[in-house]
Amino acid sequence: MYFSIYAKDKADHLSLRMKTRPVHLEYLKEHADKMLSVGPTMTDDGESPIGSLLIMEFDTIEQAKEWAAGDPYAKAGLFETTDVHAWREVKPKEL
C-alpha cells in the first residue's frame, strides 16, 4: 500500500536541512525499493526547499510512520509537522 509522507520544515531551518542532507540522501538510497516519488516542496518561486513530500510503499501505516520518524531530517529536528496518510494513485485514463 502506498503512503504519502508530508513534512513541513520549521521556519528559518534551511541551514539544518543543508547540513543534514547527505545523511538524509543515504537514508533514501537505502530504501529506494519503497519509493514511488520523493522530493522537496519548494517556496512559491521554486528557489528554496520548505519541506518534503514522499510517496512510498509500506505494508502498514505504522511502518510508514516509523520510517518517517527514522528520517535523519526528522531526527535532527528539521520538521515542524509530519503527516502520514494512505495514498492511492489514480491515472488520468481512470478518470
PDB file of N, CA and C in Angstrom:
ATOM      1  N   MET A   1       0.843  -1.162   0.000  1.00  0.00           N
ATOM      2  CA  MET A   1       0.000   0.000   0.000  1.00  0.00           C
ATOM      3  C   MET A   1       0.894   1.233   0.000  1.00  0.00           C
ATOM      4  N   TYR A   2       0.461   2.257  -0.714  1.00  0.00           N
ATOM      5  CA  TYR A   2       1.231   3.495  -0.750  1.00  0.00           C
ATOM      6  C   TYR A   2       0.786   4.445   0.363  1.00  0.00           C
ATOM      7  N   PHE A   3       1.757   5.246   0.810  1.00  0.00           N
ATOM      8  CA  PHE A   3       1.505   6.259   1.829  1.00  0.00           C
ATOM      9  C   PHE A   3       2.187   7.549   1.410  1.00  0.00           C
ATOM     10  N   SER A   4       1.493   8.663   1.655  1.00  0.00           N
ATOM     11  CA  SER A   4       2.123   9.968   1.464  1.00  0.00           C
ATOM     12  C   SER A   4       2.697  10.400   2.804  1.00  0.00           C
ATOM     13  N   ILE A   5       3.890  10.940   2.736  1.00  0.00           N
ATOM     14  CA  ILE A   5       4.556  11.493   3.912  1.00  0.00           C
ATOM     15  C   ILE A   5       4.862  12.943   3.564  1.00  0.00           C
ATOM     16  N   TYR A   6       4.182  13.877   4.241  1.00  0.00           N
ATOM     17  CA  TYR A   6       4.420  15.298   4.006  1.00  0.00           C
ATOM     18  C   TYR A   6       4.981  15.897   5.282  1.00  0.00           C
ATOM     19  N   ALA A   7       6.180  16.408   5.200  1.00  0.00           N
ATOM     20  CA  ALA A   7       6.846  17.009   6.346  1.00  0.00           C
ATOM     21  C   ALA A   7       7.158  18.466   6.021  1.00  0.00           C
ATOM     22  N   LYS A   8       6.715  19.357   6.888  1.00  0.00           N
ATOM     23  CA  LYS A   8       6.935  20.793   6.712  1.00  0.00           C
ATOM     24  C   LYS A   8       8.109  21.223   7.587  1.00  0.00           C
ATOM     25  N   ASP A   9       9.074  21.898   6.970  1.00  0.00           N
ATOM     26  CA  ASP A   9      10.237  22.382   7.715  1.00  0.00           C
ATOM     27  C   ASP A   9       9.845  23.485   8.698  1.00  0.00           C
ATOM     28  N   LYS A  10      10.587  23.556   9.789  1.00  0.00           N
ATOM     29  CA  LYS A  10      10.457  24.693  10.690  1.00  0.00           C
ATOM     30  C   LYS A  10      10.991  25.927   9.960  1.00  0.00           C
ATOM     31  N   ALA A  11      10.427  27.087  10.269  1.00  0.00           N
ATOM     32  CA  ALA A  11      10.877  28.331   9.654  1.00  0.00           C
ATOM     33  C   ALA A  11      12.353  28.567   9.964  1.00  0.00           C
ATOM     34  N   ASP A  12      13.045  29.127   8.999  1.00  0.00           N
ATOM     35  CA  ASP A  12      14.453  29.514   9.165  1.00  0.00           C
ATOM     36  C   ASP A  12      15.360  28.347   9.534  1.00  0.00           C
ATOM     37  N   HIS A  13      15.094  27.156   8.976  1.00  0.00           N
ATOM     38  CA  HIS A  13      15.915  25.982   9.252  1.00  0.00           C
ATOM     39  C   HIS A  13      16.604  25.442   7.999  1.00  0.00           C
ATOM     40  N   LEU A  14      16.776  26.295   6.988  1.00  0.00           N
ATOM     41  CA  LEU A  14      17.417  25.851   5.753  1.00  0.00           C
ATOM     42  C   LEU A  14      18.836  25.350   6.011  1.00  0.00           C
ATOM     43  N   SER A  15      19.553  25.997   6.909  1.00  0.00           N
ATOM     44  CA  SER A  15      20.928  25.561   7.175  1.00  0.00           C
ATOM     45  C   SER A  15      20.958  24.160   7.780  1.00  0.00           C
ATOM     46  N   LEU A  16      19.989  23.841   8.635  1.00  0.00           N
ATOM     47  CA  LEU A  16      19.909  22.486   9.198  1.00  0.00           C
ATOM     48  C   LEU A  16      19.585  21.478   8.101  1.00  0.00           C
ATOM     49  N   ARG A  17      18.689  21.837   7.192  1.00  0.00           N
ATOM     50  CA  ARG A  17      18.358  20.954   6.061  1.00  0.00           C
ATOM     51  C   ARG A  17      19.609  20.660   5.236  1.00  0.00           C
ATOM     52  N   MET A  18      20.345  21.691   4.906  1.00  0.00           N
ATOM     53  CA  MET A  18      21.539  21.516   4.070  1.00  0.00           C
ATOM     54  C   MET A  18      22.616  20.710   4.798  1.00  0.00           C
ATOM     55  N   LYS A  19      22.775  20.940   6.081  1.00  0.00           N
ATOM     56  CA  LYS A  19      23.767  20.211   6.871  1.00  0.00           C
ATOM     57  C   LYS A  19      23.414  18.725   6.961  1.00  0.00           C
ATOM     58  N   THR A  20      22.136  18.411   7.050  1.00  0.00           N
ATOM     59  CA  THR A  20      21.656  17.045   7.245  1.00  0.00           C
ATOM     60  C   THR A  20      21.409  16.324   5.917  1.00  0.00           C
ATOM     61  N   ARG A  21      21.414  17.037   4.817  1.00  0.00           N
ATOM     62  CA  ARG A  21      21.042  16.479   3.515  1.00  0.00           C
ATOM     63  C   ARG A  21      21.835  15.231   3.122  1.00  0.00           C
ATOM     64  N   PRO A  22      23.156  15.202   3.270  1.00  0.00           N
ATOM     65  CA  PRO A  22      23.885  13.997   2.833  1.00  0.00           C
ATOM     66  C   PRO A  22      23.420  12.710   3.524  1.00  0.00           C
ATOM     67  N   VAL A  23      23.203  12.747   4.820  1.00  0.00           N
ATOM     68  CA  VAL A  23      22.769  11.540   5.528  1.00  0.00           C
ATOM     69  C   VAL A  23      21.298  11.225   5.198  1.00  0.00           C
ATOM     70  N   HIS A  24      20.498  12.250   4.946  1.00  0.00           N
ATOM     71  CA  HIS A  24      19.107  12.048   4.504  1.00  0.00           C
ATOM     72  C   HIS A  24      19.093  11.322   3.155  1.00  0.00           C
ATOM     73  N   LEU A  25      19.948  11.757   2.225  1.00  0.00           N
ATOM     74  CA  LEU A  25      20.001  11.109   0.910  1.00  0.00           C
ATOM     75  C   LEU A  25      20.451   9.654   1.013  1.00  0.00           C
ATOM     76  N   GLU A  26      21.375   9.367   1.907  1.00  0.00           N
ATOM     77  CA  GLU A  26      21.794   7.978   2.132  1.00  0.00           C
ATOM     78  C   GLU A  26      20.625   7.141   2.654  1.00  0.00           C
ATOM     79  N   TYR A  27      19.834   7.715   3.558  1.00  0.00           N
ATOM     80  CA  TYR A  27      18.657   7.025   4.098  1.00  0.00           C
ATOM     81  C   TYR A  27      17.678   6.710   2.966  1.00  0.00           C
ATOM     82  N   LEU A  28      17.472   7.668   2.078  1.00  0.00           N
ATOM     83  CA  LEU A  28      16.589   7.431   0.936  1.00  0.00           C
ATOM     84  C   LEU A  28      17.134   6.319   0.048  1.00  0.00           C
ATOM     85  N   LYS A  29      18.425   6.347  -0.234  1.00  0.00           N
ATOM     86  CA  LYS A  29      19.032   5.314  -1.088  1.00  0.00           C
ATOM     87  C   LYS A  29      18.859   3.923  -0.493  1.00  0.00           C
ATOM     88  N   GLU A  30      18.960   3.822   0.826  1.00  0.00           N
ATOM     89  CA  GLU A  30      18.795   2.530   1.498  1.00  0.00           C
ATOM     90  C   GLU A  30      17.375   1.981   1.349  1.00  0.00           C
ATOM     91  N   HIS A  31      16.414   2.858   1.058  1.00  0.00           N
ATOM     92  CA  HIS A  31      15.011   2.461   0.968  1.00  0.00           C
ATOM     93  C   HIS A  31      14.421   2.758  -0.414  1.00  0.00           C
ATOM     94  N   ALA A  32      15.272   2.829  -1.416  1.00  0.00           N
ATOM     95  CA  ALA A  32      14.839   3.179  -2.770  1.00  0.00           C
ATOM     96  C   ALA A  32      13.771   2.227  -3.309  1.00  0.00           C
ATOM     97  N   ASP A  33      13.800   0.976  -2.877  1.00  0.00           N
ATOM     98  CA  ASP A  33      12.822   0.000  -3.358  1.00  0.00           C
ATOM     99  C   ASP A  33      11.401   0.317  -2.893  1.00  0.00           C
ATOM    100  N   LYS A  34      11.244   1.179  -1.907  1.00  0.00           N
ATOM    101  CA  LYS A  34       9.924   1.540  -1.384  1.00  0.00           C
ATOM    102  C   LYS A  34       9.363   2.814  -2.014  1.00  0.00           C
ATOM    103  N   MET A  35      10.171   3.522  -2.793  1.00  0.00           N
ATOM    104  CA  MET A  35       9.797   4.841  -3.305  1.00  0.00           C
ATOM    105  C   MET A  35       9.005   4.782  -4.603  1.00  0.00           C
ATOM    106  N   LEU A  36       7.947   5.570  -4.650  1.00  0.00           N
ATOM    107  CA  LEU A  36       7.267   5.837  -5.906  1.00  0.00           C
ATOM    108  C   LEU A  36       7.717   7.204  -6.416  1.00  0.00           C
ATOM    109  N   SER A  37       7.711   8.198  -5.530  1.00  0.00           N
ATOM    110  CA  SER A  37       8.168   9.538  -5.875  1.00  0.00           C
ATOM    111  C   SER A  37       8.547  10.264  -4.591  1.00  0.00           C
ATOM    112  N   VAL A  38       9.663  10.965  -4.612  1.00  0.00           N
ATOM    113  CA  VAL A  38      10.116  11.712  -3.437  1.00  0.00           C
ATOM    114  C   VAL A  38      10.754  13.017  -3.885  1.00  0.00           C
ATOM    115  N   GLY A  39      10.679  14.030  -3.024  1.00  0.00           N
ATOM    116  CA  GLY A  39      11.351  15.285  -3.325  1.00  0.00           C
ATOM    117  C   GLY A  39      10.927  16.378  -2.366  1.00  0.00           C
ATOM    118  N   PRO A  40      11.646  17.492  -2.431  1.00  0.00           N
ATOM    119  CA  PRO A  40      11.324  18.602  -1.551  1.00  0.00           C
ATOM    120  C   PRO A  40      10.134  19.403  -2.070  1.00  0.00           C
ATOM    121  N   THR A  41       9.382  19.978  -1.148  1.00  0.00           N
ATOM    122  CA  THR A  41       8.426  21.012  -1.523  1.00  0.00           C
ATOM    123  C   THR A  41       9.199  22.326  -1.479  1.00  0.00           C
ATOM    124  N   MET A  42       8.793  23.271  -2.319  1.00  0.00           N
ATOM    125  CA  MET A  42       9.594  24.469  -2.523  1.00  0.00           C
ATOM    126  C   MET A  42       8.777  25.742  -2.248  1.00  0.00           C
ATOM    127  N   THR A  43       9.509  26.838  -2.014  1.00  0.00           N
ATOM    128  CA  THR A  43       8.866  28.144  -1.922  1.00  0.00           C
ATOM    129  C   THR A  43       8.170  28.433  -3.252  1.00  0.00           C
ATOM    130  N   ASP A  44       7.251  29.386  -3.256  1.00  0.00           N
ATOM    131  CA  ASP A  44       6.475  29.688  -4.461  1.00  0.00           C
ATOM    132  C   ASP A  44       7.345  30.061  -5.658  1.00  0.00           C
ATOM    133  N   ASP A  45       8.515  30.617  -5.414  1.00  0.00           N
ATOM    134  CA  ASP A  45       9.398  30.980  -6.522  1.00  0.00           C
ATOM    135  C   ASP A  45      10.279  29.809  -6.968  1.00  0.00           C
ATOM    136  N   GLY A  46      10.152  28.662  -6.287  1.00  0.00           N
ATOM    137  CA  GLY A  46      10.915  27.470  -6.646  1.00  0.00           C
ATOM    138  C   GLY A  46      12.373  27.523  -6.255  1.00  0.00           C
ATOM    139  N   GLU A  47      12.751  28.462  -5.429  1.00  0.00           N
ATOM    140  CA  GLU A  47      14.156  28.667  -5.095  1.00  0.00           C
ATOM    141  C   GLU A  47      14.641  27.909  -3.864  1.00  0.00           C
ATOM    142  N   SER A  48      13.781  27.715  -2.876  1.00  0.00           N
ATOM    143  CA  SER A  48      14.245  27.150  -1.601  1.00  0.00           C
ATOM    144  C   SER A  48      13.335  26.030  -1.124  1.00  0.00           C
ATOM    145  N   PRO A  49      13.917  24.942  -0.605  1.00  0.00           N
ATOM    146  CA  PRO A  49      13.099  23.859  -0.052  1.00  0.00           C
ATOM    147  C   PRO A  49      12.476  24.282   1.277  1.00  0.00           C
ATOM    148  N   ILE A  50      11.225  23.863   1.465  1.00  0.00           N
ATOM    149  CA  ILE A  50      10.497  24.192   2.698  1.00  0.00           C
ATOM    150  C   ILE A  50       9.843  22.959   3.323  1.00  0.00           C
ATOM    151  N   GLY A  51      10.119  21.797   2.771  1.00  0.00           N
ATOM    152  CA  GLY A  51       9.534  20.574   3.293  1.00  0.00           C
ATOM    153  C   GLY A  51       9.866  19.405   2.390  1.00  0.00           C
ATOM    154  N   SER A  52       9.237  18.291   2.673  1.00  0.00           N
ATOM    155  CA  SER A  52       9.462  17.071   1.902  1.00  0.00           C
ATOM    156  C   SER A  52       8.125  16.390   1.627  1.00  0.00           C
ATOM    157  N   LEU A  53       7.989  15.842   0.426  1.00  0.00           N
ATOM    158  CA  LEU A  53       6.823  15.038   0.069  1.00  0.00           C
ATOM    159  C   LEU A  53       7.331  13.736  -0.511  1.00  0.00           C
ATOM    160  N   LEU A  54       6.907  12.639   0.098  1.00  0.00           N
ATOM    161  CA  LEU A  54       7.342  11.322  -0.328  1.00  0.00           C
ATOM    162  C   LEU A  54       6.114  10.442  -0.509  1.00  0.00           C
ATOM    163  N   ILE A  55       6.076   9.693  -1.589  1.00  0.00           N
ATOM    164  CA  ILE A  55       5.065   8.661  -1.805  1.00  0.00           C
ATOM    165  C   ILE A  55       5.834   7.344  -1.780  1.00  0.00           C
ATOM    166  N   MET A  56       5.530   6.526  -0.767  1.00  0.00           N
ATOM    167  CA  MET A  56       6.311   5.312  -0.545  1.00  0.00           C
ATOM    168  C   MET A  56       5.395   4.138  -0.224  1.00  0.00           C
ATOM    169  N   GLU A  57       5.911   2.955  -0.447  1.00  0.00           N
ATOM    170  CA  GLU A  57       5.140   1.738  -0.240  1.00  0.00           C
ATOM    171  C   GLU A  57       5.556   1.037   1.059  1.00  0.00           C
ATOM    172  N   PHE A  58       4.566   0.767   1.889  1.00  0.00           N
ATOM    173  CA  PHE A  58       4.747   0.024   3.139  1.00  0.00           C
ATOM    174  C   PHE A  58       3.551  -0.896   3.314  1.00  0.00           C
ATOM    175  N   ASP A  59       3.682  -1.883   4.184  1.00  0.00           N
ATOM    176  CA  ASP A  59       2.564  -2.777   4.463  1.00  0.00           C
ATOM    177  C   ASP A  59       1.504  -2.119   5.347  1.00  0.00           C
ATOM    178  N   THR A  60       1.945  -1.253   6.260  1.00  0.00           N
ATOM    179  CA  THR A  60       1.021  -0.637   7.219  1.00  0.00           C
ATOM    180  C   THR A  60       1.371   0.830   7.430  1.00  0.00           C
ATOM    181  N   ILE A  61       0.423   1.584   7.935  1.00  0.00           N
ATOM    182  CA  ILE A  61       0.672   2.984   8.259  1.00  0.00           C
ATOM    183  C   ILE A  61       1.685   3.102   9.401  1.00  0.00           C
ATOM    184  N   GLU A  62       1.696   2.134  10.276  1.00  0.00           N
ATOM    185  CA  GLU A  62       2.665   2.146  11.372  1.00  0.00           C
ATOM    186  C   GLU A  62       4.095   2.079  10.827  1.00  0.00           C
ATOM    187  N   GLN A  63       4.305   1.244   9.805  1.00  0.00           N
ATOM    188  CA  GLN A  63       5.629   1.160   9.178  1.00  0.00           C
ATOM    189  C   GLN A  63       5.996   2.481   8.515  1.00  0.00           C
ATOM    190  N   ALA A  64       5.025   3.109   7.862  1.00  0.00           N
ATOM    191  CA  ALA A  64       5.282   4.395   7.208  1.00  0.00           C
ATOM    192  C   ALA A  64       5.653   5.455   8.245  1.00  0.00           C
ATOM    193  N   LYS A  65       4.941   5.485   9.349  1.00  0.00           N
ATOM    194  CA  LYS A  65       5.231   6.459  10.406  1.00  0.00           C
ATOM    195  C   LYS A  65       6.591   6.185  11.045  1.00  0.00           C
ATOM    196  N   GLU A  66       6.908   4.928  11.224  1.00  0.00           N
ATOM    197  CA  GLU A  66       8.214   4.559  11.785  1.00  0.00           C
ATOM    198  C   GLU A  66       9.335   4.984  10.849  1.00  0.00           C
ATOM    199  N   TRP A  67       9.141   4.749   9.547  1.00  0.00           N
ATOM    200  CA  TRP A  67      10.145   5.158   8.572  1.00  0.00           C
ATOM    201  C   TRP A  67      10.323   6.678   8.601  1.00  0.00           C
ATOM    202  N   ALA A  68       9.217   7.413   8.619  1.00  0.00           N
ATOM    203  CA  ALA A  68       9.280   8.876   8.645  1.00  0.00           C
ATOM    204  C   ALA A  68      10.015   9.375   9.891  1.00  0.00           C
ATOM    205  N   ALA A  69       9.770   8.749  11.020  1.00  0.00           N
ATOM    206  CA  ALA A  69      10.429   9.145  12.266  1.00  0.00           C
ATOM    207  C   ALA A  69      11.925   8.848  12.223  1.00  0.00           C
ATOM    208  N   GLY A  70      12.324   7.861  11.433  1.00  0.00           N
ATOM    209  CA  GLY A  70      13.729   7.498  11.314  1.00  0.00           C
ATOM    210  C   GLY A  70      14.509   8.331  10.314  1.00  0.00           C
ATOM    211  N   ASP A  71      13.813   9.157   9.545  1.00  0.00           N
ATOM    212  CA  ASP A  71      14.475  10.025   8.574  1.00  0.00           C
ATOM    213  C   ASP A  71      15.443  10.950   9.316  1.00  0.00           C
ATOM    214  N   PRO A  72      16.681  11.050   8.859  1.00  0.00           N
ATOM    215  CA  PRO A  72      17.640  11.931   9.525  1.00  0.00           C
ATOM    216  C   PRO A  72      17.163  13.376   9.664  1.00  0.00           C
ATOM    217  N   TYR A  73      16.374  13.851   8.709  1.00  0.00           N
ATOM    218  CA  TYR A  73      15.801  15.194   8.858  1.00  0.00           C
ATOM    219  C   TYR A  73      14.920  15.260  10.107  1.00  0.00           C
ATOM    220  N   ALA A  74      14.065  14.257  10.288  1.00  0.00           N
ATOM    221  CA  ALA A  74      13.182  14.223  11.460  1.00  0.00           C
ATOM    222  C   ALA A  74      14.001  14.115  12.741  1.00  0.00           C
ATOM    223  N   LYS A  75      14.994  13.249  12.739  1.00  0.00           N
ATOM    224  CA  LYS A  75      15.835  13.066  13.922  1.00  0.00           C
ATOM    225  C   LYS A  75      16.601  14.337  14.284  1.00  0.00           C
ATOM    226  N   ALA A  76      16.940  15.143  13.280  1.00  0.00           N
ATOM    227  CA  ALA A  76      17.682  16.389  13.517  1.00  0.00           C
ATOM    228  C   ALA A  76      16.772  17.519  14.004  1.00  0.00           C
ATOM    229  N   GLY A  77      15.455  17.304  13.966  1.00  0.00           N
ATOM    230  CA  GLY A  77      14.526  18.339  14.415  1.00  0.00           C
ATOM    231  C   GLY A  77      14.172  19.353  13.347  1.00  0.00           C
ATOM    232  N   LEU A  78      14.315  18.985  12.072  1.00  0.00           N
ATOM    233  CA  LEU A  78      14.027  19.902  10.978  1.00  0.00           C
ATOM    234  C   LEU A  78      12.535  20.196  10.821  1.00  0.00           C
ATOM    235  N   PHE A  79      11.699  19.216  11.066  1.00  0.00           N
ATOM    236  CA  PHE A  79      10.291  19.343  10.707  1.00  0.00           C
ATOM    237  C   PHE A  79       9.427  19.958  11.801  1.00  0.00           C
ATOM    238  N   GLU A  80       8.555  20.858  11.358  1.00  0.00           N
ATOM    239  CA  GLU A  80       7.535  21.434  12.234  1.00  0.00           C
ATOM    240  C   GLU A  80       6.385  20.441  12.399  1.00  0.00           C
ATOM    241  N   THR A  81       5.991  19.827  11.289  1.00  0.00           N
ATOM    242  CA  THR A  81       4.919  18.823  11.294  1.00  0.00           C
ATOM    243  C   THR A  81       5.258  17.727  10.296  1.00  0.00           C
ATOM    244  N   THR A  82       4.719  16.551  10.556  1.00  0.00           N
ATOM    245  CA  THR A  82       4.817  15.438   9.615  1.00  0.00           C
ATOM    246  C   THR A  82       3.462  14.742   9.572  1.00  0.00           C
ATOM    247  N   ASP A  83       2.895  14.648   8.381  1.00  0.00           N
ATOM    248  CA  ASP A  83       1.606  13.984   8.183  1.00  0.00           C
ATOM    249  C   ASP A  83       1.806  12.753   7.322  1.00  0.00           C
ATOM    250  N   VAL A  84       1.256  11.637   7.754  1.00  0.00           N
ATOM    251  CA  VAL A  84       1.341  10.372   7.014  1.00  0.00           C
ATOM    252  C   VAL A  84      -0.079   9.884   6.762  1.00  0.00           C
ATOM    253  N   HIS A  85      -0.371   9.591   5.495  1.00  0.00           N
ATOM    254  CA  HIS A  85      -1.719   9.131   5.126  1.00  0.00           C
ATOM    255  C   HIS A  85      -1.620   8.047   4.058  1.00  0.00           C
ATOM    256  N   ALA A  86      -2.572   7.140   4.073  1.00  0.00           N
ATOM    257  CA  ALA A  86      -2.683   6.191   2.968  1.00  0.00           C
ATOM    258  C   ALA A  86      -2.936   6.999   1.695  1.00  0.00           C
ATOM    259  N   TRP A  87      -2.410   6.498   0.576  1.00  0.00           N
ATOM    260  CA  TRP A  87      -2.494   7.227  -0.689  1.00  0.00           C
ATOM    261  C   TRP A  87      -2.794   6.238  -1.806  1.00  0.00           C
ATOM    262  N   ARG A  88      -3.631   6.667  -2.723  1.00  0.00           N
ATOM    263  CA  ARG A  88      -3.976   5.822  -3.863  1.00  0.00           C
ATOM    264  C   ARG A  88      -3.697   6.577  -5.146  1.00  0.00           C
ATOM    265  N   GLU A  89      -2.952   5.960  -6.034  1.00  0.00           N
ATOM    266  CA  GLU A  89      -2.632   6.557  -7.321  1.00  0.00           C
ATOM    267  C   GLU A  89      -3.817   6.414  -8.266  1.00  0.00           C
ATOM    268  N   VAL A  90      -4.142   7.490  -8.959  1.00  0.00           N
ATOM    269  CA  VAL A  90      -5.190   7.477  -9.976  1.00  0.00           C
ATOM    270  C   VAL A  90      -4.556   7.969 -11.275  1.00  0.00           C
ATOM    271  N   LYS A  91      -4.646   7.165 -12.285  1.00  0.00           N
ATOM    272  CA  LYS A  91      -4.111   7.519 -13.589  1.00  0.00           C
ATOM    273  C   LYS A  91      -5.159   8.324 -14.361  1.00  0.00           C
ATOM    274  N   PRO A  92      -4.730   9.275 -15.195  1.00  0.00           N
ATOM    275  CA  PRO A  92      -5.699  10.060 -15.951  1.00  0.00           C
ATOM    276  C   PRO A  92      -6.680   9.209 -16.754  1.00  0.00           C
ATOM    277  N   LYS A  93      -6.221   8.072 -17.267  1.00  0.00           N
ATOM    278  CA  LYS A  93      -7.124   7.224 -18.045  1.00  0.00           C
ATOM    279  C   LYS A  93      -8.208   6.578 -17.187  1.00  0.00           C
ATOM    280  N   GLU A  94      -8.019   6.597 -15.848  1.00  0.00           N
ATOM    281  CA  GLU A  94      -9.012   6.028 -14.948  1.00  0.00           C
ATOM    282  C   GLU A  94     -10.106   7.013 -14.552  1.00  0.00           C
ATOM    283  N   LEU A  95      -9.948   8.276 -14.922  1.00  0.00           N
ATOM    284  CA  LEU A  95     -10.925   9.296 -14.537  1.00  0.00           C
ATOM    285  C   LEU A  95     -12.172   9.218 -15.377  1.00  0.00           C
TER     286      LEU A  95
END
